[in-house]
Amino acid sequence: MTGSIDPTRPQFDAFKALPRDQPIHMLNLVRVRPLADYPEGHPNHGKGMTGLEAYRAYGRDSAQVFKRVGGRQIWAGRPDLVLTGPTDERWDIAFIAFYPSGGAFLEMVTDAGYREHVKHRQAAVEDSRLIRMDPVDELGEGFGE
């Protein structure tokens, strides 16, 4: 089974068609590979790095671009168990990133430096979900309000 690592062209086009001038939250669910899968020619190819080590390298290396566009992590947790849903959808990393706008996210992912750093993510990730969310300003008392 091949996991979801990068958006497909239609998914990316759908993201670009949404408003770019309002704040967004991006829900990230990540399952890392036991061993990172760097392509031949990459300096980390064959070094035996774990997927988690490669994902952390992605986080460290891309942090400057993430901060420059106004991004920040607003929630993080360690998934324990999928209570509702496919049991094979286990996740190693879960977090929500804030971006001041959809345009800021697009600026980050098209930055030349970021495009180099994302190679760590591609080597690290076995499967993932990246879900754009429109932040709710005022929360209700009950679920779904």
Protein backbone atom coordinates (compact mmCIF):
# COMPACT_ATOMS: atom_id res chain seq x y z
CA MET A 1 0.00 0.00 0.00
CA THR A 2 1.29 3.44 -0.92
CA GLY A 3 0.56 6.16 1.60
CA SER A 4 -0.36 9.76 1.07
CA ILE A 5 2.82 11.82 1.30
CA ASP A 6 2.32 14.83 -0.99
CA PRO A 7 -0.91 16.36 -2.33
CA THR A 8 -2.05 15.30 -5.77
CA ARG A 9 -2.26 18.01 -8.44
CA PRO A 10 -6.10 18.18 -8.15
CA GLN A 11 -5.84 18.50 -4.34
CA PHE A 12 -3.26 21.27 -4.61
CA ASP A 13 -5.35 23.06 -7.26
CA ALA A 14 -8.40 22.85 -4.95
CA PHE A 15 -6.33 24.38 -2.12
CA LYS A 16 -5.19 27.21 -4.39
CA ALA A 17 -8.80 27.91 -5.41
CA LEU A 18 -9.82 28.60 -1.79
CA PRO A 19 -9.48 32.10 -0.29
CA ARG A 20 -5.85 33.06 0.24
CA ASP A 21 -6.38 36.13 2.46
CA GLN A 22 -7.76 34.63 5.68
CA PRO A 23 -6.17 32.68 8.53
CA ILE A 24 -6.10 28.89 8.28
CA HIS A 25 -5.25 25.96 10.51
CA MET A 26 -3.63 22.87 9.05
CA LEU A 27 -4.28 19.57 10.84
CA ASN A 28 -1.31 17.24 10.37
CA LEU A 29 -1.47 13.49 11.05
CA VAL A 30 1.78 11.70 10.27
CA ARG A 31 2.93 8.08 10.30
CA VAL A 32 6.68 7.79 9.85
CA ARG A 33 8.60 4.97 8.22
CA PRO A 34 10.74 2.70 10.39
CA LEU A 35 13.72 3.75 8.21
CA ALA A 36 13.87 6.96 6.20
CA ASP A 37 13.84 6.43 2.43
CA TYR A 38 16.15 9.08 0.98
CA PRO A 39 16.75 8.85 -2.77
CA GLU A 40 20.18 8.01 -4.16
CA GLY A 41 22.29 11.14 -4.37
CA HIS A 42 20.82 12.71 -1.22
CA PRO A 43 23.47 13.21 1.49
CA ASN A 44 21.41 11.10 3.95
CA HIS A 45 20.88 8.16 1.57
CA GLY A 46 21.99 4.91 3.19
CA LYS A 47 22.81 6.46 6.57
CA GLY A 48 20.20 4.38 8.41
CA MET A 49 18.19 7.32 9.72
CA THR A 50 14.78 6.50 11.16
CA GLY A 51 11.68 8.11 9.78
CA LEU A 52 11.30 10.05 13.02
CA GLU A 53 14.87 11.38 12.75
CA ALA A 54 14.22 12.46 9.15
CA TYR A 55 10.92 14.13 10.13
CA ARG A 56 12.65 16.03 12.91
CA ALA A 57 15.30 17.17 10.41
CA TYR A 58 12.45 18.45 8.23
CA GLY A 59 11.02 20.37 11.18
CA ARG A 60 14.36 21.90 12.16
CA ASP A 61 15.41 22.80 8.63
CA SER A 62 12.07 24.25 7.53
CA ALA A 63 11.41 26.19 10.78
CA GLN A 64 12.93 29.43 9.49
CA VAL A 65 10.66 29.52 6.42
CA PHE A 66 7.64 28.48 8.54
CA LYS A 67 8.26 31.36 10.96
CA ARG A 68 9.05 33.85 8.19
CA VAL A 69 5.61 33.38 6.62
CA GLY A 70 3.97 33.80 10.04
CA GLY A 71 3.34 30.14 10.77
CA ARG A 72 3.34 28.67 14.24
CA GLN A 73 2.37 25.40 15.83
CA ILE A 74 -0.73 25.89 18.01
CA TRP A 75 -1.38 22.33 19.21
CA ALA A 76 0.55 19.08 19.29
CA GLY A 77 -0.18 15.66 20.75
CA ARG A 78 0.98 12.06 20.69
CA PRO A 79 -1.74 9.81 19.25
CA ASP A 80 -2.45 6.77 21.43
CA LEU A 81 -5.26 4.91 19.68
CA VAL A 82 -7.75 5.26 16.84
CA LEU A 83 -11.06 4.84 18.69
CA THR A 84 -13.30 5.45 15.68
CA GLY A 85 -12.01 4.64 12.23
CA PRO A 86 -9.73 2.14 10.54
CA THR A 87 -7.40 0.59 13.11
CA ASP A 88 -4.54 0.58 10.60
CA GLU A 89 -4.64 4.39 10.62
CA ARG A 90 -2.21 4.75 13.47
CA TRP A 91 -0.40 8.06 13.69
CA ASP A 92 2.99 8.86 15.23
CA ILE A 93 2.70 12.65 15.13
CA ALA A 94 -0.31 14.97 15.32
CA PHE A 95 -0.27 18.75 15.32
CA ILE A 96 -2.11 21.83 14.14
CA ALA A 97 -0.21 24.63 12.44
CA PHE A 98 -1.55 28.18 12.17
CA TYR A 99 -0.90 30.31 9.08
CA PRO A 100 -1.99 33.96 8.87
CA SER A 101 -3.45 33.16 5.44
CA GLY A 102 -3.74 30.49 2.79
CA GLY A 103 -1.34 32.63 0.79
CA ALA A 104 1.28 32.33 3.55
CA PHE A 105 1.08 28.53 3.35
CA LEU A 106 1.48 28.71 -0.45
CA GLU A 107 4.45 31.06 -0.02
CA MET A 108 6.09 28.53 2.30
CA VAL A 109 5.59 25.45 0.11
CA THR A 110 6.84 27.23 -3.01
CA ASP A 111 9.95 28.71 -1.30
CA ALA A 112 13.14 27.30 -2.88
CA GLY A 113 14.72 26.55 0.50
CA TYR A 114 11.58 24.84 1.77
CA ARG A 115 11.44 22.69 -1.36
CA GLU A 116 14.89 21.36 -0.42
CA HIS A 117 13.90 20.80 3.24
CA VAL A 118 10.72 18.92 2.28
CA LYS A 119 12.91 16.08 0.97
CA HIS A 120 13.39 15.07 4.63
CA ARG A 121 9.60 14.87 5.01
CA GLN A 122 9.25 12.81 1.85
CA ALA A 123 11.92 10.39 3.10
CA ALA A 124 10.33 10.20 6.56
CA VAL A 125 6.63 9.81 5.90
CA GLU A 126 4.88 6.49 5.32
CA ASP A 127 1.40 8.01 5.34
CA SER A 128 -0.15 11.34 6.31
CA ARG A 129 -3.21 13.52 6.32
CA LEU A 130 -3.01 17.29 5.87
CA ILE A 131 -6.38 18.96 6.32
CA ARG A 132 -6.98 22.67 5.81
CA MET A 133 -9.39 24.07 8.37
CA ASP A 134 -11.19 27.39 8.66
CA PRO A 135 -10.74 28.51 12.30
CA VAL A 136 -13.94 29.12 14.26
CA ASP A 137 -13.85 32.41 16.16
CA GLU A 138 -16.32 31.56 18.91
CA LEU A 139 -16.89 28.07 20.25
CA GLY A 140 -20.31 26.89 21.37
CA GLU A 141 -21.12 24.95 24.52
CA GLY A 142 -21.61 21.59 22.81
CA PHE A 143 -19.89 19.50 20.15
CA GLY A 144 -20.28 20.88 16.65
CA GLU A 145 -21.42 24.33 17.76
